[in-house]
Amino acid sequence: MLPNATLSPPAEQLLAVLVQHYEELVRSLRHRFGEECHPREIVNDLCVRLLERPVPNDIANPLAFLRSVARDLAIDRYRSQARRPETAIDGLELDRAEPPRAALRLSPPELAVAAAQHQRALLAVIEQLPPASRDAFILTKLYGMPQDEAARRMGISRGMVARHLARALRDVEPVLGTCHAG
């Protein structure tokens, strides 16, 4: 938080409740969604949200409010992960994956050149997307923003964001697929 920054009284109260009930919120998320939802990260995201966004003044039950927002964040995270394209590979899978046969014949400088070429091809495809599809792709896939928030930023409905994103993925996936082909 910025030095000398002041929080509104409702935000201060909610943060105090969050700190007091941190472990309880984590347990509640873990019980409802399992460890896969990364409950501590979600409660930490909740804390950031309280610091960054205005808080309603008329919260009757602060703990219930925090549980509700944490639950919504967990659902948003699940939906965001469920919408990721199949071509995405996390870092652990990449470390364990066996390199393609073609890559075994390339020297490190050749691999660096190939990666740079792939990156240029991907950027070229993204630049050629229609503006709304490009914005939807960049906001949701590169910045990891939920579609609801991207819709608010773009001034369109969530359904339109989904349509623009589907169009973008249809054009981008062939280039993404080449990074895993041998």
C-alpha atoms as a PDB file:
ATOM      1  CA  MET A   1       0.000   0.000   0.000  1.00  0.00           C
ATOM      2  CA  LEU A   2       1.156   3.560  -0.642  1.00  0.00           C
ATOM      3  CA  PRO A   3       2.605   5.465   2.306  1.00  0.00           C
ATOM      4  CA  ASN A   4       0.150   7.960   3.826  1.00  0.00           C
ATOM      5  CA  ALA A   5      -2.706   6.259   1.965  1.00  0.00           C
ATOM      6  CA  THR A   6      -5.921   6.093   3.928  1.00  0.00           C
ATOM      7  CA  LEU A   7      -8.662   3.539   3.571  1.00  0.00           C
ATOM      8  CA  SER A   8     -12.343   4.214   3.927  1.00  0.00           C
ATOM      9  CA  PRO A   9     -13.768   3.051   7.278  1.00  0.00           C
ATOM     10  CA  PRO A  10     -15.675   0.146   5.632  1.00  0.00           C
ATOM     11  CA  ALA A  11     -12.502  -1.057   3.890  1.00  0.00           C
ATOM     12  CA  GLU A  12     -10.523  -0.776   7.125  1.00  0.00           C
ATOM     13  CA  GLN A  13     -13.166  -2.794   8.988  1.00  0.00           C
ATOM     14  CA  LEU A  14     -13.279  -5.474   6.281  1.00  0.00           C
ATOM     15  CA  LEU A  15      -9.486  -5.773   6.270  1.00  0.00           C
ATOM     16  CA  ALA A  16      -9.526  -6.179  10.044  1.00  0.00           C
ATOM     17  CA  VAL A  17     -12.158  -8.938   9.725  1.00  0.00           C
ATOM     18  CA  LEU A  18     -10.145 -10.569   6.922  1.00  0.00           C
ATOM     19  CA  VAL A  19      -6.985 -10.605   9.038  1.00  0.00           C
ATOM     20  CA  GLN A  20      -8.878 -11.930  12.058  1.00  0.00           C
ATOM     21  CA  HIS A  21     -10.607 -14.695  10.041  1.00  0.00           C
ATOM     22  CA  TYR A  22      -7.910 -15.388   7.437  1.00  0.00           C
ATOM     23  CA  GLU A  23      -7.489 -19.087   8.267  1.00  0.00           C
ATOM     24  CA  GLU A  24     -11.238 -19.579   8.511  1.00  0.00           C
ATOM     25  CA  LEU A  25     -11.706 -18.112   5.012  1.00  0.00           C
ATOM     26  CA  VAL A  26      -8.938 -20.370   3.671  1.00  0.00           C
ATOM     27  CA  ARG A  27     -10.517 -23.436   5.297  1.00  0.00           C
ATOM     28  CA  SER A  28     -13.928 -22.506   3.922  1.00  0.00           C
ATOM     29  CA  LEU A  29     -12.568 -22.267   0.367  1.00  0.00           C
ATOM     30  CA  ARG A  30     -10.557 -25.462   0.762  1.00  0.00           C
ATOM     31  CA  HIS A  31     -13.635 -27.307   2.044  1.00  0.00           C
ATOM     32  CA  ARG A  32     -15.839 -26.057  -0.787  1.00  0.00           C
ATOM     33  CA  PHE A  33     -13.434 -26.156  -3.751  1.00  0.00           C
ATOM     34  CA  GLY A  34     -10.463 -28.260  -2.664  1.00  0.00           C
ATOM     35  CA  GLU A  35      -6.789 -27.379  -2.600  1.00  0.00           C
ATOM     36  CA  GLU A  36      -6.747 -27.038  -6.423  1.00  0.00           C
ATOM     37  CA  CYS A  37      -8.382 -23.606  -6.139  1.00  0.00           C
ATOM     38  CA  HIS A  38      -5.321 -22.328  -4.208  1.00  0.00           C
ATOM     39  CA  PRO A  39      -7.359 -20.932  -1.305  1.00  0.00           C
ATOM     40  CA  ARG A  40      -4.567 -18.827   0.192  1.00  0.00           C
ATOM     41  CA  GLU A  41      -4.009 -17.078  -3.144  1.00  0.00           C
ATOM     42  CA  ILE A  42      -7.717 -16.352  -3.393  1.00  0.00           C
ATOM     43  CA  VAL A  43      -7.864 -14.850   0.104  1.00  0.00           C
ATOM     44  CA  ASN A  44      -4.779 -12.784  -0.758  1.00  0.00           C
ATOM     45  CA  ASP A  45      -6.513 -11.645  -3.974  1.00  0.00           C
ATOM     46  CA  LEU A  46      -9.497 -10.706  -1.818  1.00  0.00           C
ATOM     47  CA  CYS A  47      -7.232  -8.540   0.316  1.00  0.00           C
ATOM     48  CA  VAL A  48      -5.855  -6.789  -2.785  1.00  0.00           C
ATOM     49  CA  ARG A  49      -9.398  -6.257  -4.067  1.00  0.00           C
ATOM     50  CA  LEU A  50     -10.359  -4.585  -0.786  1.00  0.00           C
ATOM     51  CA  LEU A  51      -7.371  -2.255  -1.103  1.00  0.00           C
ATOM     52  CA  GLU A  52      -7.964  -1.393  -4.753  1.00  0.00           C
ATOM     53  CA  ARG A  53     -11.741  -1.119  -5.096  1.00  0.00           C
ATOM     54  CA  PRO A  54     -14.392   0.870  -3.276  1.00  0.00           C
ATOM     55  CA  VAL A  55     -16.225  -1.041  -0.566  1.00  0.00           C
ATOM     56  CA  PRO A  56     -19.984  -0.698   0.068  1.00  0.00           C
ATOM     57  CA  ASN A  57     -20.842   1.188   3.265  1.00  0.00           C
ATOM     58  CA  ASP A  58     -23.849  -0.911   4.247  1.00  0.00           C
ATOM     59  CA  ILE A  59     -22.388  -4.377   4.898  1.00  0.00           C
ATOM     60  CA  ALA A  60     -24.452  -6.004   7.634  1.00  0.00           C
ATOM     61  CA  ASN A  61     -22.229  -9.081   8.117  1.00  0.00           C
ATOM     62  CA  PRO A  62     -18.592  -8.439   7.105  1.00  0.00           C
ATOM     63  CA  LEU A  63     -17.498 -12.081   7.429  1.00  0.00           C
ATOM     64  CA  ALA A  64     -20.385 -13.285   5.255  1.00  0.00           C
ATOM     65  CA  PHE A  65     -19.520 -10.588   2.713  1.00  0.00           C
ATOM     66  CA  LEU A  66     -15.868 -11.708   2.648  1.00  0.00           C
ATOM     67  CA  ARG A  67     -16.893 -15.364   2.253  1.00  0.00           C
ATOM     68  CA  SER A  68     -19.169 -14.422  -0.637  1.00  0.00           C
ATOM     69  CA  VAL A  69     -16.494 -12.397  -2.449  1.00  0.00           C
ATOM     70  CA  ALA A  70     -13.893 -15.143  -1.846  1.00  0.00           C
ATOM     71  CA  ARG A  71     -16.317 -17.743  -3.244  1.00  0.00           C
ATOM     72  CA  ASP A  72     -16.906 -15.556  -6.324  1.00  0.00           C
ATOM     73  CA  LEU A  73     -13.155 -15.161  -6.827  1.00  0.00           C
ATOM     74  CA  ALA A  74     -12.697 -18.948  -6.620  1.00  0.00           C
ATOM     75  CA  ILE A  75     -15.449 -19.470  -9.184  1.00  0.00           C
ATOM     76  CA  ASP A  76     -13.944 -16.821 -11.484  1.00  0.00           C
ATOM     77  CA  ARG A  77     -10.546 -18.516 -11.203  1.00  0.00           C
ATOM     78  CA  TYR A  78     -12.047 -21.934 -11.988  1.00  0.00           C
ATOM     79  CA  ARG A  79     -13.928 -20.565 -15.008  1.00  0.00           C
ATOM     80  CA  SER A  80     -10.843 -18.753 -16.246  1.00  0.00           C
ATOM     81  CA  GLN A  81      -8.766 -21.931 -16.018  1.00  0.00           C
ATOM     82  CA  ALA A  82     -11.503 -23.976 -17.687  1.00  0.00           C
ATOM     83  CA  ARG A  83     -11.522 -21.591 -20.678  1.00  0.00           C
ATOM     84  CA  ARG A  84      -7.790 -21.778 -21.315  1.00  0.00           C
ATOM     85  CA  PRO A  85      -6.904 -23.374 -24.628  1.00  0.00           C
ATOM     86  CA  GLU A  86      -5.672 -26.963 -24.604  1.00  0.00           C
ATOM     87  CA  THR A  87      -2.359 -25.836 -26.107  1.00  0.00           C
ATOM     88  CA  ALA A  88      -1.287 -24.059 -22.935  1.00  0.00           C
ATOM     89  CA  ILE A  89       1.315 -25.948 -20.891  1.00  0.00           C
ATOM     90  CA  ASP A  90       2.309 -24.999 -17.389  1.00  0.00           C
ATOM     91  CA  GLY A  91       5.949 -24.728 -16.422  1.00  0.00           C
ATOM     92  CA  LEU A  92       6.078 -28.077 -14.586  1.00  0.00           C
ATOM     93  CA  GLU A  93       4.720 -29.968 -17.596  1.00  0.00           C
ATOM     94  CA  LEU A  94       7.208 -28.175 -19.817  1.00  0.00           C
ATOM     95  CA  ASP A  95      10.098 -29.209 -17.572  1.00  0.00           C
ATOM     96  CA  ARG A  96       8.996 -32.859 -17.599  1.00  0.00           C
ATOM     97  CA  ALA A  97       8.081 -32.975 -21.281  1.00  0.00           C
ATOM     98  CA  GLU A  98      10.421 -34.727 -23.640  1.00  0.00           C
ATOM     99  CA  PRO A  99      11.691 -32.309 -26.311  1.00  0.00           C
ATOM    100  CA  PRO A 100      10.527 -32.977 -29.875  1.00  0.00           C
ATOM    101  CA  ARG A 101      12.966 -34.963 -31.992  1.00  0.00           C
ATOM    102  CA  ALA A 102      13.646 -31.951 -34.221  1.00  0.00           C
ATOM    103  CA  ALA A 103      14.641 -29.914 -31.156  1.00  0.00           C
ATOM    104  CA  LEU A 104      17.173 -32.558 -30.158  1.00  0.00           C
ATOM    105  CA  ARG A 105      19.091 -31.781 -33.349  1.00  0.00           C
ATOM    106  CA  LEU A 106      19.148 -28.006 -32.757  1.00  0.00           C
ATOM    107  CA  SER A 107      21.918 -26.209 -30.906  1.00  0.00           C
ATOM    108  CA  PRO A 108      21.038 -23.645 -28.235  1.00  0.00           C
ATOM    109  CA  PRO A 109      21.573 -20.701 -30.641  1.00  0.00           C
ATOM    110  CA  GLU A 110      19.335 -22.425 -33.210  1.00  0.00           C
ATOM    111  CA  LEU A 111      16.682 -23.000 -30.549  1.00  0.00           C
ATOM    112  CA  ALA A 112      16.861 -19.310 -29.598  1.00  0.00           C
ATOM    113  CA  VAL A 113      16.384 -18.294 -33.236  1.00  0.00           C
ATOM    114  CA  ALA A 114      13.457 -20.707 -33.598  1.00  0.00           C
ATOM    115  CA  ALA A 115      11.833 -19.308 -30.450  1.00  0.00           C
ATOM    116  CA  ALA A 116      12.273 -15.740 -31.706  1.00  0.00           C
ATOM    117  CA  GLN A 117      10.746 -16.704 -35.065  1.00  0.00           C
ATOM    118  CA  HIS A 118       7.809 -18.333 -33.327  1.00  0.00           C
ATOM    119  CA  GLN A 119       7.306 -15.243 -31.156  1.00  0.00           C
ATOM    120  CA  ARG A 120       7.348 -12.964 -34.242  1.00  0.00           C
ATOM    121  CA  ALA A 121       4.810 -15.221 -35.990  1.00  0.00           C
ATOM    122  CA  LEU A 122       2.544 -15.142 -32.939  1.00  0.00           C
ATOM    123  CA  LEU A 123       2.785 -11.353 -32.651  1.00  0.00           C
ATOM    124  CA  ALA A 124       2.026 -10.993 -36.377  1.00  0.00           C
ATOM    125  CA  VAL A 125      -1.128 -13.100 -36.022  1.00  0.00           C
ATOM    126  CA  ILE A 126      -2.234 -11.107 -32.967  1.00  0.00           C
ATOM    127  CA  GLU A 127      -1.621  -7.807 -34.790  1.00  0.00           C
ATOM    128  CA  GLN A 128      -3.744  -8.991 -37.747  1.00  0.00           C
ATOM    129  CA  LEU A 129      -6.759  -9.793 -35.562  1.00  0.00           C
ATOM    130  CA  PRO A 130      -9.737  -7.439 -35.764  1.00  0.00           C
ATOM    131  CA  PRO A 131      -9.352  -4.791 -33.032  1.00  0.00           C
ATOM    132  CA  ALA A 132     -12.084  -6.145 -30.721  1.00  0.00           C
ATOM    133  CA  SER A 133     -10.810  -9.735 -31.047  1.00  0.00           C
ATOM    134  CA  ARG A 134      -7.246  -8.562 -30.436  1.00  0.00           C
ATOM    135  CA  ASP A 135      -8.300  -6.610 -27.318  1.00  0.00           C
ATOM    136  CA  ALA A 136     -10.307  -9.552 -25.971  1.00  0.00           C
ATOM    137  CA  PHE A 137      -7.359 -11.919 -26.539  1.00  0.00           C
ATOM    138  CA  ILE A 138      -4.793  -9.605 -24.958  1.00  0.00           C
ATOM    139  CA  LEU A 139      -6.930  -8.798 -21.915  1.00  0.00           C
ATOM    140  CA  THR A 140      -8.046 -12.367 -21.175  1.00  0.00           C
ATOM    141  CA  LYS A 141      -5.147 -14.527 -22.326  1.00  0.00           C
ATOM    142  CA  LEU A 142      -2.093 -12.334 -21.913  1.00  0.00           C
ATOM    143  CA  TYR A 143      -3.209 -10.332 -18.863  1.00  0.00           C
ATOM    144  CA  GLY A 144      -5.330 -13.158 -17.399  1.00  0.00           C
ATOM    145  CA  MET A 145      -8.318 -10.879 -16.881  1.00  0.00           C
ATOM    146  CA  PRO A 146     -11.718 -12.548 -16.339  1.00  0.00           C
ATOM    147  CA  GLN A 147     -14.111 -12.082 -19.258  1.00  0.00           C
ATOM    148  CA  ASP A 148     -16.526 -10.064 -17.107  1.00  0.00           C
ATOM    149  CA  GLU A 149     -13.838  -7.521 -16.326  1.00  0.00           C
ATOM    150  CA  ALA A 150     -12.647  -7.443 -19.950  1.00  0.00           C
ATOM    151  CA  ALA A 151     -16.247  -6.771 -21.001  1.00  0.00           C
ATOM    152  CA  ARG A 152     -16.436  -3.806 -18.617  1.00  0.00           C
ATOM    153  CA  ARG A 153     -13.131  -2.436 -19.905  1.00  0.00           C
ATOM    154  CA  MET A 154     -14.136  -2.868 -23.530  1.00  0.00           C
ATOM    155  CA  GLY A 155     -17.640  -1.519 -22.968  1.00  0.00           C
ATOM    156  CA  ILE A 156     -19.341  -4.612 -24.405  1.00  0.00           C
ATOM    157  CA  SER A 157     -21.202  -7.622 -23.030  1.00  0.00           C
ATOM    158  CA  ARG A 158     -19.426 -10.708 -21.687  1.00  0.00           C
ATOM    159  CA  GLY A 159     -21.002 -12.722 -24.516  1.00  0.00           C
ATOM    160  CA  MET A 160     -19.408 -10.434 -27.088  1.00  0.00           C
ATOM    161  CA  VAL A 161     -16.038 -10.821 -25.356  1.00  0.00           C
ATOM    162  CA  ALA A 162     -16.472 -14.611 -25.599  1.00  0.00           C
ATOM    163  CA  ARG A 163     -17.271 -14.343 -29.319  1.00  0.00           C
ATOM    164  CA  HIS A 164     -14.293 -12.087 -30.012  1.00  0.00           C
ATOM    165  CA  LEU A 165     -12.059 -14.382 -27.979  1.00  0.00           C
ATOM    166  CA  ALA A 166     -13.259 -17.467 -29.867  1.00  0.00           C
ATOM    167  CA  ARG A 167     -12.435 -15.702 -33.145  1.00  0.00           C
ATOM    168  CA  ALA A 168      -8.985 -14.758 -31.853  1.00  0.00           C
ATOM    169  CA  LEU A 169      -8.248 -18.277 -30.606  1.00  0.00           C
ATOM    170  CA  ARG A 170      -9.307 -19.772 -33.933  1.00  0.00           C
ATOM    171  CA  ASP A 171      -6.675 -17.606 -35.659  1.00  0.00           C
ATOM    172  CA  VAL A 172      -3.958 -17.859 -32.977  1.00  0.00           C
ATOM    173  CA  GLU A 173      -4.137 -21.579 -32.112  1.00  0.00           C
ATOM    174  CA  PRO A 174      -2.446 -22.806 -35.315  1.00  0.00           C
ATOM    175  CA  VAL A 175       0.590 -20.680 -34.439  1.00  0.00           C
ATOM    176  CA  LEU A 176       0.489 -21.786 -30.798  1.00  0.00           C
ATOM    177  CA  GLY A 177       0.336 -25.420 -31.930  1.00  0.00           C
ATOM    178  CA  THR A 178       3.569 -25.090 -33.885  1.00  0.00           C
ATOM    179  CA  CYS A 179       5.545 -24.470 -30.705  1.00  0.00           C
ATOM    180  CA  HIS A 180       4.828 -28.044 -29.575  1.00  0.00           C
ATOM    181  CA  ALA A 181       5.081 -29.836 -32.887  1.00  0.00           C
ATOM    182  CA  GLY A 182       8.179 -31.766 -33.687  1.00  0.00           C
END
